[in-house]
Protein backbone atom coordinates (compact mmCIF):
# COMPACT_ATOMS: atom_id res chain seq x y z
CA MET A 1 11.16 3.54 22.37
CA SER A 2 10.74 4.86 18.85
CA ARG A 3 9.12 4.03 15.54
CA LYS A 4 8.59 0.26 15.36
CA ARG A 5 7.38 -1.94 12.53
CA LEU A 6 4.22 -3.81 13.47
CA VAL A 7 2.91 -5.37 10.26
CA VAL A 8 4.00 -6.15 6.70
CA GLU A 9 1.23 -6.85 4.20
CA MET A 10 1.74 -7.80 0.54
CA GLY A 11 -0.55 -7.90 -2.46
CA MET A 12 -0.80 -8.10 -6.21
CA GLY A 13 -3.05 -6.16 -8.58
CA VAL A 14 -3.74 -6.40 -12.29
CA ASP A 15 -5.20 -4.20 -15.00
CA LEU A 16 -6.03 -6.80 -17.63
CA ARG A 17 -6.68 -4.67 -20.69
CA GLY A 18 -6.32 -0.98 -20.02
CA GLY A 19 -2.60 -0.61 -19.47
CA ASP A 20 -3.29 1.57 -16.40
CA TYR A 21 -0.42 1.38 -13.92
CA THR A 22 -2.29 3.33 -11.24
CA LYS A 23 -5.30 1.01 -11.43
CA ALA A 24 -3.04 -2.04 -11.03
CA ALA A 25 -1.18 -0.38 -8.13
CA VAL A 26 -4.43 0.52 -6.33
CA ARG A 27 -5.66 -3.05 -6.75
CA ALA A 28 -2.37 -4.40 -5.39
CA LEU A 29 -2.60 -2.27 -2.26
CA ARG A 30 -6.25 -3.21 -1.76
CA ASP A 31 -5.26 -6.86 -2.07
CA ALA A 32 -2.66 -6.35 0.65
CA LEU A 33 -5.01 -4.52 3.00
CA TRP A 34 -8.44 -6.00 2.51
CA HIS A 35 -7.51 -9.46 3.81
CA ASN A 36 -6.50 -8.14 7.22
CA SER A 37 -7.93 -6.44 10.24
CA LEU A 38 -5.36 -4.66 12.36
CA THR A 39 -6.45 -4.81 15.96
CA VAL A 40 -2.96 -4.55 17.45
CA VAL A 41 -2.80 -0.74 17.32
CA PRO A 42 -5.94 -0.10 19.44
CA ALA A 43 -4.91 -3.00 21.71
CA LEU A 44 -1.72 -1.06 22.46
CA GLY A 45 -3.78 2.02 23.35
CA TYR A 46 -3.17 3.99 20.15
CA SER A 47 -5.55 5.34 17.54
CA VAL A 48 -5.45 3.78 14.07
CA ASP A 49 -4.91 7.31 12.76
CA GLN A 50 -1.51 7.29 14.49
CA MET A 51 -0.28 4.51 12.22
CA GLU A 52 2.40 5.36 9.68
CA VAL A 53 2.14 3.22 6.54
CA ASP A 54 5.00 2.97 4.07
CA VAL A 55 3.61 1.69 0.77
CA GLU A 56 6.02 0.30 -1.82
CA ILE A 57 4.64 -0.36 -5.30
CA GLY A 58 6.49 -2.28 -8.01
CA VAL A 59 5.51 -1.73 -11.65
CA ALA A 60 7.38 -1.77 -14.94
CA GLN A 61 6.86 1.97 -15.47
CA PRO A 62 6.95 3.65 -12.04
CA GLU A 63 6.48 7.17 -13.42
CA GLN A 64 3.00 6.16 -14.65
CA VAL A 65 1.60 5.65 -11.12
CA ASP A 66 -0.40 8.39 -9.40
CA LYS A 67 0.88 8.16 -5.82
CA GLU A 68 -2.00 10.21 -4.41
CA LYS A 69 -4.57 7.76 -5.75
CA VAL A 70 -2.63 4.87 -4.23
CA ALA A 71 -2.39 6.64 -0.85
CA ALA A 72 -6.14 7.32 -0.92
CA VAL A 73 -6.76 3.56 -0.62
CA LEU A 74 -5.68 3.57 3.03
CA PRO A 75 -8.69 3.87 5.34
CA TYR A 76 -6.61 5.51 8.09
CA GLY A 77 -3.08 6.34 9.08
CA LYS A 78 -0.49 8.47 7.31
CA ALA A 79 0.75 7.10 3.99
CA THR A 80 4.10 7.43 2.27
CA VAL A 81 4.06 5.92 -1.22
CA THR A 82 7.19 4.91 -3.12
CA VAL A 83 7.06 3.41 -6.60
CA SER A 84 9.91 1.30 -7.94
CA LYS A 85 10.63 -0.65 -11.07
CA GLY A 86 9.15 -4.13 -10.78
CA GLY A 87 5.91 -5.89 -11.53
CA LEU A 88 5.23 -7.25 -14.99
CA ASP A 89 3.97 -5.97 -18.35
CA ILE A 90 2.36 -8.38 -20.78
CA GLN A 91 1.96 -6.86 -24.22
CA GLU A 92 -0.38 -8.52 -26.68
CA GLU A 93 -1.59 -7.33 -30.06
CA ASP A 94 -4.73 -5.59 -28.81
CA LYS A 95 -4.18 -5.22 -25.06
CA HIS A 96 -1.59 -4.34 -22.45
CA THR A 97 -1.80 -6.21 -19.14
CA ILE A 98 -0.15 -4.63 -16.10
CA VAL A 99 0.79 -6.58 -12.97
CA ALA A 100 1.69 -4.55 -9.88
CA ASN A 101 3.06 -5.70 -6.54
CA ALA A 102 2.50 -3.85 -3.28
CA ALA A 103 3.95 -3.99 0.20
CA ALA A 104 2.39 -2.02 3.04
CA VAL A 105 4.55 -1.71 6.13
CA VAL A 106 2.74 -0.43 9.20
CA TYR A 107 4.70 1.47 11.85
CA LEU A 108 3.77 3.04 15.15
CA ASN A 109 5.76 5.74 16.91
CA PHE A 110 5.91 4.69 20.54
CA GLU A 111 7.36 8.06 21.55
CA SER A 112 3.96 9.65 20.95
CA SER A 113 1.20 9.37 23.51
CA PRO A 114 -1.57 6.79 23.12
CA ALA A 115 -4.81 8.34 21.91
CA VAL A 116 -7.36 5.59 22.52
CA GLU A 117 -9.13 5.38 25.85
């Protein structure tokens, strides 16, 4: 076997007034993750730290997102963060609302040895 996709989680995050793309992206990833409890990885005999998580963020200005802050949201596993053009910007006279979308795809490499007893 090889690297297999186990889970796809999606979320949305908003920064209502600050125009902070990273804050919206972090909230989107938290939305995707915090509604789930992944018990499949330990059930297969692997440690949750062996998970590989590909995070895709969509915002209107991808270059404004701090990928390290987004990756820091993950409680375990190895993160790869990619930011693409997407999401939504809502510009008003006195505020800038950012809407970010996130997808977290969880993989496990079945060529590695299980680590959980």
